[in-house]
Structure formats: structure tokens, C-alpha cells
Amino acid sequence: MPNEAAQKLMNDMNTVLADAEELVNATAGVAGEKVAAARDRLRQAAAEMRPRLARAQALVGEKARSAAYAADGYVHERPWTAIGVAACVGALIGMLVGRR
């Protein structure tokens, strides 16, 4: 679940960057000192964000793989414990859904 939230955040950030770049391109013909300054700041911020966002995506992917390997190792080392925990969680979810 946290990985899904992080991935959604990454997707949202990519969308914001794409929209910012589109805005910069759309206002290319607009004259004015303030517009040009804002366009330059936005272009610079987007250029700085791309590599940081790529590093963050790589880190999230690495953490997710690490967590998956750890969970896989735990399940292989203690299969009955994992089955018991899964059964308890399933029973709890079943009770909560059944109450509605």
C-alpha cells in the first residue's frame, strides 16, 4: 500500500512537471519581463526536479524490491507463522465486512 501511494505521488509529480513544461511552451510568444522571468524560473525548476524525481523513483523501487525479498524470505523461513497471520487478518477483514 505505501508503495502504491508513493507511485501515485511520483506519477502526479511527473504530470505536474509535464504541465509546467507545456505552460512554458504555450507562453513562449507572450512578451513581458515578468512573464519571461516566471517562464525561466519554471523551466529551471522543472529541469532541477527531473533528476531528483528519477532518483526518488529508483529509491522507491529499490525499497519495494527489498521489502518484497524480505517478506519472501520470512514466509519461506516461517511458513506456518505466515499462514496463521494471513488467516487472522482474513478473519478480521471478514468480521468487519460482515458487520456492515
PDB file of N, CA and C in Angstrom:
ATOM      1  N   MET A   1       0.815  -1.199   0.000  1.00  0.00           N
ATOM      2  CA  MET A   1       0.000   0.000   0.000  1.00  0.00           C
ATOM      3  C   MET A   1       0.857   1.261   0.000  1.00  0.00           C
ATOM      4  N   PRO A   2       1.880   1.374   0.872  1.00  0.00           N
ATOM      5  CA  PRO A   2       2.702   2.577   0.821  1.00  0.00           C
ATOM      6  C   PRO A   2       3.391   2.737  -0.530  1.00  0.00           C
ATOM      7  N   ASN A   3       3.759   1.633  -1.145  1.00  0.00           N
ATOM      8  CA  ASN A   3       4.403   1.702  -2.449  1.00  0.00           C
ATOM      9  C   ASN A   3       3.437   2.268  -3.487  1.00  0.00           C
ATOM     10  N   GLU A   4       2.165   1.896  -3.396  1.00  0.00           N
ATOM     11  CA  GLU A   4       1.165   2.430  -4.327  1.00  0.00           C
ATOM     12  C   GLU A   4       1.010   3.935  -4.138  1.00  0.00           C
ATOM     13  N   ALA A   5       1.009   4.382  -2.893  1.00  0.00           N
ATOM     14  CA  ALA A   5       0.891   5.813  -2.621  1.00  0.00           C
ATOM     15  C   ALA A   5       2.112   6.554  -3.138  1.00  0.00           C
ATOM     16  N   ALA A   6       3.282   5.981  -2.942  1.00  0.00           N
ATOM     17  CA  ALA A   6       4.498   6.611  -3.433  1.00  0.00           C
ATOM     18  C   ALA A   6       4.503   6.653  -4.958  1.00  0.00           C
ATOM     19  N   GLN A   7       4.045   5.576  -5.588  1.00  0.00           N
ATOM     20  CA  GLN A   7       3.997   5.550  -7.045  1.00  0.00           C
ATOM     21  C   GLN A   7       2.998   6.571  -7.573  1.00  0.00           C
ATOM     22  N   LYS A   8       1.858   6.717  -6.886  1.00  0.00           N
ATOM     23  CA  LYS A   8       0.872   7.724  -7.303  1.00  0.00           C
ATOM     24  C   LYS A   8       1.465   9.120  -7.169  1.00  0.00           C
ATOM     25  N   LEU A   9       2.198   9.352  -6.091  1.00  0.00           N
ATOM     26  CA  LEU A   9       2.840  10.649  -5.911  1.00  0.00           C
ATOM     27  C   LEU A   9       3.847  10.911  -7.025  1.00  0.00           C
ATOM     28  N   MET A  10       4.617   9.896  -7.389  1.00  0.00           N
ATOM     29  CA  MET A  10       5.586  10.048  -8.477  1.00  0.00           C
ATOM     30  C   MET A  10       4.869  10.356  -9.794  1.00  0.00           C
ATOM     31  N   ASN A  11       3.784   9.657 -10.056  1.00  0.00           N
ATOM     32  CA  ASN A  11       3.013   9.917 -11.274  1.00  0.00           C
ATOM     33  C   ASN A  11       2.445  11.333 -11.276  1.00  0.00           C
ATOM     34  N   ASP A  12       1.950  11.769 -10.119  1.00  0.00           N
ATOM     35  CA  ASP A  12       1.415  13.130 -10.012  1.00  0.00           C
ATOM     36  C   ASP A  12       2.512  14.169 -10.246  1.00  0.00           C
ATOM     37  N   MET A  13       3.687  13.920  -9.701  1.00  0.00           N
ATOM     38  CA  MET A  13       4.801  14.850  -9.895  1.00  0.00           C
ATOM     39  C   MET A  13       5.210  14.905 -11.363  1.00  0.00           C
ATOM     40  N   ASN A  14       5.236  13.759 -12.023  1.00  0.00           N
ATOM     41  CA  ASN A  14       5.544  13.744 -13.454  1.00  0.00           C
ATOM     42  C   ASN A  14       4.511  14.536 -14.242  1.00  0.00           C
ATOM     43  N   THR A  15       3.255  14.411 -13.855  1.00  0.00           N
ATOM     44  CA  THR A  15       2.182  15.154 -14.521  1.00  0.00           C
ATOM     45  C   THR A  15       2.355  16.656 -14.310  1.00  0.00           C
ATOM     46  N   VAL A  16       2.684  17.060 -13.092  1.00  0.00           N
ATOM     47  CA  VAL A  16       2.894  18.483 -12.801  1.00  0.00           C
ATOM     48  C   VAL A  16       4.062  19.017 -13.626  1.00  0.00           C
ATOM     49  N   LEU A  17       5.148  18.247 -13.702  1.00  0.00           N
ATOM     50  CA  LEU A  17       6.293  18.693 -14.490  1.00  0.00           C
ATOM     51  C   LEU A  17       5.939  18.812 -15.970  1.00  0.00           C
ATOM     52  N   ALA A  18       5.201  17.848 -16.481  1.00  0.00           N
ATOM     53  CA  ALA A  18       4.791  17.901 -17.887  1.00  0.00           C
ATOM     54  C   ALA A  18       3.887  19.107 -18.136  1.00  0.00           C
ATOM     55  N   ASP A  19       2.971  19.369 -17.214  1.00  0.00           N
ATOM     56  CA  ASP A  19       2.091  20.535 -17.349  1.00  0.00           C
ATOM     57  C   ASP A  19       2.887  21.836 -17.282  1.00  0.00           C
ATOM     58  N   ALA A  20       3.876  21.884 -16.412  1.00  0.00           N
ATOM     59  CA  ALA A  20       4.708  23.084 -16.297  1.00  0.00           C
ATOM     60  C   ALA A  20       5.479  23.322 -17.585  1.00  0.00           C
ATOM     61  N   GLU A  21       6.028  22.262 -18.142  1.00  0.00           N
ATOM     62  CA  GLU A  21       6.756  22.414 -19.399  1.00  0.00           C
ATOM     63  C   GLU A  21       5.817  22.831 -20.533  1.00  0.00           C
ATOM     64  N   GLU A  22       4.615  22.301 -20.520  1.00  0.00           N
ATOM     65  CA  GLU A  22       3.627  22.686 -21.535  1.00  0.00           C
ATOM     66  C   GLU A  22       3.254  24.156 -21.385  1.00  0.00           C
ATOM     67  N   LEU A  23       3.123  24.613 -20.151  1.00  0.00           N
ATOM     68  CA  LEU A  23       2.811  26.018 -19.896  1.00  0.00           C
ATOM     69  C   LEU A  23       3.941  26.920 -20.374  1.00  0.00           C
ATOM     70  N   VAL A  24       5.174  26.506 -20.124  1.00  0.00           N
ATOM     71  CA  VAL A  24       6.324  27.284 -20.589  1.00  0.00           C
ATOM     72  C   VAL A  24       6.294  27.393 -22.108  1.00  0.00           C
ATOM     73  N   ASN A  25       6.033  26.286 -22.776  1.00  0.00           N
ATOM     74  CA  ASN A  25       5.986  26.295 -24.244  1.00  0.00           C
ATOM     75  C   ASN A  25       4.803  27.111 -24.767  1.00  0.00           C
ATOM     76  N   ALA A  26       3.676  27.056 -24.071  1.00  0.00           N
ATOM     77  CA  ALA A  26       2.485  27.777 -24.524  1.00  0.00           C
ATOM     78  C   ALA A  26       2.643  29.286 -24.376  1.00  0.00           C
ATOM     79  N   THR A  27       3.443  29.727 -23.411  1.00  0.00           N
ATOM     80  CA  THR A  27       3.613  31.159 -23.191  1.00  0.00           C
ATOM     81  C   THR A  27       4.863  31.706 -23.874  1.00  0.00           C
ATOM     82  N   ALA A  28       5.446  30.925 -24.757  1.00  0.00           N
ATOM     83  CA  ALA A  28       6.681  31.351 -25.418  1.00  0.00           C
ATOM     84  C   ALA A  28       6.477  32.630 -26.225  1.00  0.00           C
ATOM     85  N   GLY A  29       5.296  32.822 -26.779  1.00  0.00           N
ATOM     86  CA  GLY A  29       5.041  34.004 -27.596  1.00  0.00           C
ATOM     87  C   GLY A  29       4.588  35.208 -26.803  1.00  0.00           C
ATOM     88  N   VAL A  30       4.345  35.043 -25.512  1.00  0.00           N
ATOM     89  CA  VAL A  30       3.863  36.147 -24.687  1.00  0.00           C
ATOM     90  C   VAL A  30       5.053  37.012 -24.274  1.00  0.00           C
ATOM     91  N   ALA A  31       4.936  38.287 -24.537  1.00  0.00           N
ATOM     92  CA  ALA A  31       6.017  39.209 -24.189  1.00  0.00           C
ATOM     93  C   ALA A  31       5.785  39.761 -22.794  1.00  0.00           C
ATOM     94  N   GLY A  32       6.823  40.254 -22.231  1.00  0.00           N
ATOM     95  CA  GLY A  32       6.717  40.859 -20.908  1.00  0.00           C
ATOM     96  C   GLY A  32       7.844  40.352 -20.029  1.00  0.00           C
ATOM     97  N   GLU A  33       8.400  41.270 -19.284  1.00  0.00           N
ATOM     98  CA  GLU A  33       9.539  40.932 -18.443  1.00  0.00           C
ATOM     99  C   GLU A  33       9.159  39.948 -17.340  1.00  0.00           C
ATOM    100  N   LYS A  34       8.020  40.184 -16.698  1.00  0.00           N
ATOM    101  CA  LYS A  34       7.592  39.307 -15.603  1.00  0.00           C
ATOM    102  C   LYS A  34       7.244  37.915 -16.111  1.00  0.00           C
ATOM    103  N   VAL A  35       6.596  37.830 -17.255  1.00  0.00           N
ATOM    104  CA  VAL A  35       6.236  36.535 -17.836  1.00  0.00           C
ATOM    105  C   VAL A  35       7.497  35.772 -18.215  1.00  0.00           C
ATOM    106  N   ALA A  36       8.453  36.466 -18.802  1.00  0.00           N
ATOM    107  CA  ALA A  36       9.709  35.818 -19.192  1.00  0.00           C
ATOM    108  C   ALA A  36      10.467  35.327 -17.968  1.00  0.00           C
ATOM    109  N   ALA A  37      10.483  36.129 -16.911  1.00  0.00           N
ATOM    110  CA  ALA A  37      11.176  35.725 -15.682  1.00  0.00           C
ATOM    111  C   ALA A  37      10.488  34.511 -15.056  1.00  0.00           C
ATOM    112  N   ALA A  38       9.164  34.533 -15.011  1.00  0.00           N
ATOM    113  CA  ALA A  38       8.419  33.397 -14.452  1.00  0.00           C
ATOM    114  C   ALA A  38       8.640  32.150 -15.296  1.00  0.00           C
ATOM    115  N   ARG A  39       8.658  32.318 -16.608  1.00  0.00           N
ATOM    116  CA  ARG A  39       8.884  31.187 -17.511  1.00  0.00           C
ATOM    117  C   ARG A  39      10.273  30.591 -17.281  1.00  0.00           C
ATOM    118  N   ASP A  40      11.276  31.445 -17.111  1.00  0.00           N
ATOM    119  CA  ASP A  40      12.636  30.968 -16.860  1.00  0.00           C
ATOM    120  C   ASP A  40      12.741  30.237 -15.524  1.00  0.00           C
ATOM    121  N   ARG A  41      12.094  30.785 -14.494  1.00  0.00           N
ATOM    122  CA  ARG A  41      12.111  30.113 -13.183  1.00  0.00           C
ATOM    123  C   ARG A  41      11.432  28.761 -13.259  1.00  0.00           C
ATOM    124  N   LEU A  42      10.306  28.708 -13.945  1.00  0.00           N
ATOM    125  CA  LEU A  42       9.572  27.455 -14.084  1.00  0.00           C
ATOM    126  C   LEU A  42      10.380  26.435 -14.883  1.00  0.00           C
ATOM    127  N   ARG A  43      11.022  26.878 -15.948  1.00  0.00           N
ATOM    128  CA  ARG A  43      11.852  25.989 -16.759  1.00  0.00           C
ATOM    129  C   ARG A  43      13.019  25.447 -15.932  1.00  0.00           C
ATOM    130  N   GLN A  44      13.647  26.311 -15.136  1.00  0.00           N
ATOM    131  CA  GLN A  44      14.771  25.893 -14.300  1.00  0.00           C
ATOM    132  C   GLN A  44      14.311  24.928 -13.213  1.00  0.00           C
ATOM    133  N   ALA A  45      13.181  25.211 -12.585  1.00  0.00           N
ATOM    134  CA  ALA A  45      12.662  24.325 -11.536  1.00  0.00           C
ATOM    135  C   ALA A  45      12.323  22.955 -12.100  1.00  0.00           C
ATOM    136  N   ALA A  46      11.727  22.924 -13.281  1.00  0.00           N
ATOM    137  CA  ALA A  46      11.399  21.638 -13.906  1.00  0.00           C
ATOM    138  C   ALA A  46      12.655  20.868 -14.253  1.00  0.00           C
ATOM    139  N   ALA A  47      13.683  21.564 -14.743  1.00  0.00           N
ATOM    140  CA  ALA A  47      14.945  20.894 -15.075  1.00  0.00           C
ATOM    141  C   ALA A  47      15.617  20.332 -13.831  1.00  0.00           C
ATOM    142  N   GLU A  48      15.496  21.017 -12.714  1.00  0.00           N
ATOM    143  CA  GLU A  48      16.089  20.531 -11.463  1.00  0.00           C
ATOM    144  C   GLU A  48      15.282  19.377 -10.869  1.00  0.00           C
ATOM    145  N   MET A  49      13.967  19.392 -11.082  1.00  0.00           N
ATOM    146  CA  MET A  49      13.103  18.356 -10.496  1.00  0.00           C
ATOM    147  C   MET A  49      13.230  17.009 -11.196  1.00  0.00           C
ATOM    148  N   ARG A  50      13.452  17.010 -12.495  1.00  0.00           N
ATOM    149  CA  ARG A  50      13.502  15.746 -13.251  1.00  0.00           C
ATOM    150  C   ARG A  50      14.513  14.755 -12.669  1.00  0.00           C
ATOM    151  N   PRO A  51      15.785  15.142 -12.459  1.00  0.00           N
ATOM    152  CA  PRO A  51      16.734  14.162 -11.916  1.00  0.00           C
ATOM    153  C   PRO A  51      16.392  13.736 -10.490  1.00  0.00           C
ATOM    154  N   ARG A  52      15.905  14.674  -9.676  1.00  0.00           N
ATOM    155  CA  ARG A  52      15.533  14.309  -8.305  1.00  0.00           C
ATOM    156  C   ARG A  52      14.360  13.341  -8.296  1.00  0.00           C
ATOM    157  N   LEU A  53      13.414  13.562  -9.171  1.00  0.00           N
ATOM    158  CA  LEU A  53      12.269  12.670  -9.268  1.00  0.00           C
ATOM    159  C   LEU A  53      12.699  11.293  -9.753  1.00  0.00           C
ATOM    160  N   ALA A  54      13.611  11.243 -10.695  1.00  0.00           N
ATOM    161  CA  ALA A  54      14.114   9.960 -11.187  1.00  0.00           C
ATOM    162  C   ALA A  54      14.839   9.204 -10.069  1.00  0.00           C
ATOM    163  N   ARG A  55      15.638   9.922  -9.270  1.00  0.00           N
ATOM    164  CA  ARG A  55      16.326   9.265  -8.138  1.00  0.00           C
ATOM    165  C   ARG A  55      15.318   8.763  -7.111  1.00  0.00           C
ATOM    166  N   ALA A  56      14.288   9.560  -6.849  1.00  0.00           N
ATOM    167  CA  ALA A  56      13.270   9.142  -5.881  1.00  0.00           C
ATOM    168  C   ALA A  56      12.523   7.909  -6.374  1.00  0.00           C
ATOM    169  N   GLN A  57      12.210   7.867  -7.672  1.00  0.00           N
ATOM    170  CA  GLN A  57      11.539   6.695  -8.230  1.00  0.00           C
ATOM    171  C   GLN A  57      12.420   5.462  -8.109  1.00  0.00           C
ATOM    172  N   ALA A  58      13.710   5.609  -8.376  1.00  0.00           N
ATOM    173  CA  ALA A  58      14.627   4.483  -8.255  1.00  0.00           C
ATOM    174  C   ALA A  58      14.702   4.010  -6.809  1.00  0.00           C
ATOM    175  N   LEU A  59      14.739   4.951  -5.878  1.00  0.00           N
ATOM    176  CA  LEU A  59      14.805   4.593  -4.459  1.00  0.00           C
ATOM    177  C   LEU A  59      13.536   3.872  -4.013  1.00  0.00           C
ATOM    178  N   VAL A  60      12.380   4.360  -4.448  1.00  0.00           N
ATOM    179  CA  VAL A  60      11.113   3.709  -4.093  1.00  0.00           C
ATOM    180  C   VAL A  60      11.084   2.293  -4.657  1.00  0.00           C
ATOM    181  N   GLY A  61      11.525   2.127  -5.896  1.00  0.00           N
ATOM    182  CA  GLY A  61      11.563   0.792  -6.490  1.00  0.00           C
ATOM    183  C   GLY A  61      12.509  -0.131  -5.754  1.00  0.00           C
ATOM    184  N   GLU A  62      13.668   0.397  -5.366  1.00  0.00           N
ATOM    185  CA  GLU A  62      14.640  -0.402  -4.620  1.00  0.00           C
ATOM    186  C   GLU A  62      14.085  -0.817  -3.263  1.00  0.00           C
ATOM    187  N   LYS A  63      13.448   0.110  -2.572  1.00  0.00           N
ATOM    188  CA  LYS A  63      12.852  -0.197  -1.257  1.00  0.00           C
ATOM    189  C   LYS A  63      11.740  -1.235  -1.396  1.00  0.00           C
ATOM    190  N   ALA A  64      10.935  -1.122  -2.444  1.00  0.00           N
ATOM    191  CA  ALA A  64       9.845  -2.077  -2.658  1.00  0.00           C
ATOM    192  C   ALA A  64      10.408  -3.469  -2.934  1.00  0.00           C
ATOM    193  N   ARG A  65      11.448  -3.547  -3.757  1.00  0.00           N
ATOM    194  CA  ARG A  65      12.064  -4.848  -4.026  1.00  0.00           C
ATOM    195  C   ARG A  65      12.666  -5.436  -2.760  1.00  0.00           C
ATOM    196  N   SER A  66      13.310  -4.594  -1.976  1.00  0.00           N
ATOM    197  CA  SER A  66      13.909  -5.045  -0.726  1.00  0.00           C
ATOM    198  C   SER A  66      12.845  -5.584   0.231  1.00  0.00           C
ATOM    199  N   ALA A  67      11.736  -4.872   0.335  1.00  0.00           N
ATOM    200  CA  ALA A  67      10.644  -5.325   1.208  1.00  0.00           C
ATOM    201  C   ALA A  67      10.048  -6.628   0.696  1.00  0.00           C
ATOM    202  N   ALA A  68       9.912  -6.762  -0.605  1.00  0.00           N
ATOM    203  CA  ALA A  68       9.366  -7.996  -1.181  1.00  0.00           C
ATOM    204  C   ALA A  68      10.292  -9.175  -0.917  1.00  0.00           C
ATOM    205  N   TYR A  69      11.603  -8.966  -1.074  1.00  0.00           N
ATOM    206  CA  TYR A  69      12.559 -10.044  -0.797  1.00  0.00           C
ATOM    207  C   TYR A  69      12.538 -10.425   0.675  1.00  0.00           C
ATOM    208  N   ALA A  70      12.439  -9.429   1.560  1.00  0.00           N
ATOM    209  CA  ALA A  70      12.396  -9.704   2.996  1.00  0.00           C
ATOM    210  C   ALA A  70      11.138 -10.484   3.350  1.00  0.00           C
ATOM    211  N   ALA A  71      10.006 -10.094   2.794  1.00  0.00           N
ATOM    212  CA  ALA A  71       8.754 -10.808   3.061  1.00  0.00           C
ATOM    213  C   ALA A  71       8.821 -12.227   2.518  1.00  0.00           C
ATOM    214  N   ASP A  72       9.383 -12.375   1.328  1.00  0.00           N
ATOM    215  CA  ASP A  72       9.522 -13.698   0.740  1.00  0.00           C
ATOM    216  C   ASP A  72      10.410 -14.585   1.609  1.00  0.00           C
ATOM    217  N   GLY A  73      11.517 -14.026   2.084  1.00  0.00           N
ATOM    218  CA  GLY A  73      12.409 -14.786   2.956  1.00  0.00           C
ATOM    219  C   GLY A  73      11.731 -15.181   4.253  1.00  0.00           C
ATOM    220  N   TYR A  74      10.969 -14.262   4.836  1.00  0.00           N
ATOM    221  CA  TYR A  74      10.263 -14.557   6.089  1.00  0.00           C
ATOM    222  C   TYR A  74       9.251 -15.679   5.885  1.00  0.00           C
ATOM    223  N   VAL A  75       8.509 -15.621   4.796  1.00  0.00           N
ATOM    224  CA  VAL A  75       7.498 -16.647   4.526  1.00  0.00           C
ATOM    225  C   VAL A  75       8.153 -18.003   4.302  1.00  0.00           C
ATOM    226  N   HIS A  76       9.302 -18.029   3.636  1.00  0.00           N
ATOM    227  CA  HIS A  76       9.993 -19.301   3.420  1.00  0.00           C
ATOM    228  C   HIS A  76      10.593 -19.853   4.708  1.00  0.00           C
ATOM    229  N   GLU A  77      11.040 -18.980   5.599  1.00  0.00           N
ATOM    230  CA  GLU A  77      11.613 -19.421   6.865  1.00  0.00           C
ATOM    231  C   GLU A  77      10.530 -19.845   7.859  1.00  0.00           C
ATOM    232  N   ARG A  78       9.400 -19.193   7.856  1.00  0.00           N
ATOM    233  CA  ARG A  78       8.330 -19.443   8.827  1.00  0.00           C
ATOM    234  C   ARG A  78       6.985 -19.545   8.113  1.00  0.00           C
ATOM    235  N   PRO A  79       6.777 -20.613   7.359  1.00  0.00           N
ATOM    236  CA  PRO A  79       5.532 -20.688   6.584  1.00  0.00           C
ATOM    237  C   PRO A  79       4.282 -20.777   7.452  1.00  0.00           C
ATOM    238  N   TRP A  80       4.339 -21.507   8.551  1.00  0.00           N
ATOM    239  CA  TRP A  80       3.146 -21.659   9.381  1.00  0.00           C
ATOM    240  C   TRP A  80       2.790 -20.360  10.090  1.00  0.00           C
ATOM    241  N   THR A  81       3.776 -19.596  10.462  1.00  0.00           N
ATOM    242  CA  THR A  81       3.504 -18.297  11.071  1.00  0.00           C
ATOM    243  C   THR A  81       2.835 -17.381  10.053  1.00  0.00           C
ATOM    244  N   ALA A  82       3.349 -17.383   8.833  1.00  0.00           N
ATOM    245  CA  ALA A  82       2.759 -16.555   7.778  1.00  0.00           C
ATOM    246  C   ALA A  82       1.327 -16.971   7.479  1.00  0.00           C
ATOM    247  N   ILE A  83       1.071 -18.277   7.461  1.00  0.00           N
ATOM    248  CA  ILE A  83      -0.287 -18.774   7.229  1.00  0.00           C
ATOM    249  C   ILE A  83      -1.209 -18.342   8.366  1.00  0.00           C
ATOM    250  N   GLY A  84      -0.715 -18.437   9.597  1.00  0.00           N
ATOM    251  CA  GLY A  84      -1.512 -18.026  10.752  1.00  0.00           C
ATOM    252  C   GLY A  84      -1.841 -16.542  10.729  1.00  0.00           C
ATOM    253  N   VAL A  85      -0.856 -15.727  10.411  1.00  0.00           N
ATOM    254  CA  VAL A  85      -1.080 -14.284  10.336  1.00  0.00           C
ATOM    255  C   VAL A  85      -2.071 -13.967   9.227  1.00  0.00           C
ATOM    256  N   ALA A  86      -1.910 -14.596   8.071  1.00  0.00           N
ATOM    257  CA  ALA A  86      -2.825 -14.358   6.951  1.00  0.00           C
ATOM    258  C   ALA A  86      -4.246 -14.786   7.321  1.00  0.00           C
ATOM    259  N   ALA A  87      -4.381 -15.909   8.021  1.00  0.00           N
ATOM    260  CA  ALA A  87      -5.707 -16.380   8.432  1.00  0.00           C
ATOM    261  C   ALA A  87      -6.351 -15.399   9.413  1.00  0.00           C
ATOM    262  N   CYS A  88      -5.569 -14.889  10.355  1.00  0.00           N
ATOM    263  CA  CYS A  88      -6.106 -13.922  11.321  1.00  0.00           C
ATOM    264  C   CYS A  88      -6.533 -12.625  10.634  1.00  0.00           C
ATOM    265  N   VAL A  89      -5.705 -12.149   9.736  1.00  0.00           N
ATOM    266  CA  VAL A  89      -6.052 -10.928   9.009  1.00  0.00           C
ATOM    267  C   VAL A  89      -7.309 -11.161   8.167  1.00  0.00           C
ATOM    268  N   GLY A  90      -7.386 -12.313   7.505  1.00  0.00           N
ATOM    269  CA  GLY A  90      -8.568 -12.636   6.709  1.00  0.00           C
ATOM    270  C   GLY A  90      -9.822 -12.726   7.567  1.00  0.00           C
ATOM    271  N   ALA A  91      -9.693 -13.346   8.748  1.00  0.00           N
ATOM    272  CA  ALA A  91     -10.842 -13.451   9.646  1.00  0.00           C
ATOM    273  C   ALA A  91     -11.282 -12.074  10.140  1.00  0.00           C
ATOM    274  N   LEU A  92     -10.310 -11.233  10.462  1.00  0.00           N
ATOM    275  CA  LEU A  92     -10.628  -9.880  10.919  1.00  0.00           C
ATOM    276  C   LEU A  92     -11.339  -9.080   9.823  1.00  0.00           C
ATOM    277  N   ILE A  93     -10.833  -9.164   8.617  1.00  0.00           N
ATOM    278  CA  ILE A  93     -11.479  -8.466   7.491  1.00  0.00           C
ATOM    279  C   ILE A  93     -12.879  -9.029   7.260  1.00  0.00           C
ATOM    280  N   GLY A  94     -13.028 -10.344   7.348  1.00  0.00           N
ATOM    281  CA  GLY A  94     -14.332 -10.963   7.180  1.00  0.00           C
ATOM    282  C   GLY A  94     -15.326 -10.491   8.231  1.00  0.00           C
ATOM    283  N   MET A  95     -14.867 -10.375   9.476  1.00  0.00           N
ATOM    284  CA  MET A  95     -15.746  -9.898  10.547  1.00  0.00           C
ATOM    285  C   MET A  95     -16.153  -8.449  10.299  1.00  0.00           C
ATOM    286  N   LEU A  96     -15.204  -7.625   9.876  1.00  0.00           N
ATOM    287  CA  LEU A  96     -15.521  -6.225   9.633  1.00  0.00           C
ATOM    288  C   LEU A  96     -16.472  -6.057   8.457  1.00  0.00           C
ATOM    289  N   VAL A  97     -16.281  -6.822   7.407  1.00  0.00           N
ATOM    290  CA  VAL A  97     -17.168  -6.744   6.256  1.00  0.00           C
ATOM    291  C   VAL A  97     -18.542  -7.308   6.601  1.00  0.00           C
ATOM    292  N   GLY A  98     -18.567  -8.352   7.406  1.00  0.00           N
ATOM    293  CA  GLY A  98     -19.839  -8.971   7.793  1.00  0.00           C
ATOM    294  C   GLY A  98     -20.693  -8.086   8.691  1.00  0.00           C
ATOM    295  N   ARG A  99     -20.083  -7.160   9.391  1.00  0.00           N
ATOM    296  CA  ARG A  99     -20.828  -6.272  10.291  1.00  0.00           C
ATOM    297  C   ARG A  99     -21.623  -5.234   9.518  1.00  0.00           C
ATOM    298  N   ARG A 100     -21.271  -4.989   8.292  1.00  0.00           N
ATOM    299  CA  ARG A 100     -21.953  -3.941   7.517  1.00  0.00           C
ATOM    300  C   ARG A 100     -23.141  -4.545   6.927  1.00  0.00           C
TER     301      ARG A 100
END
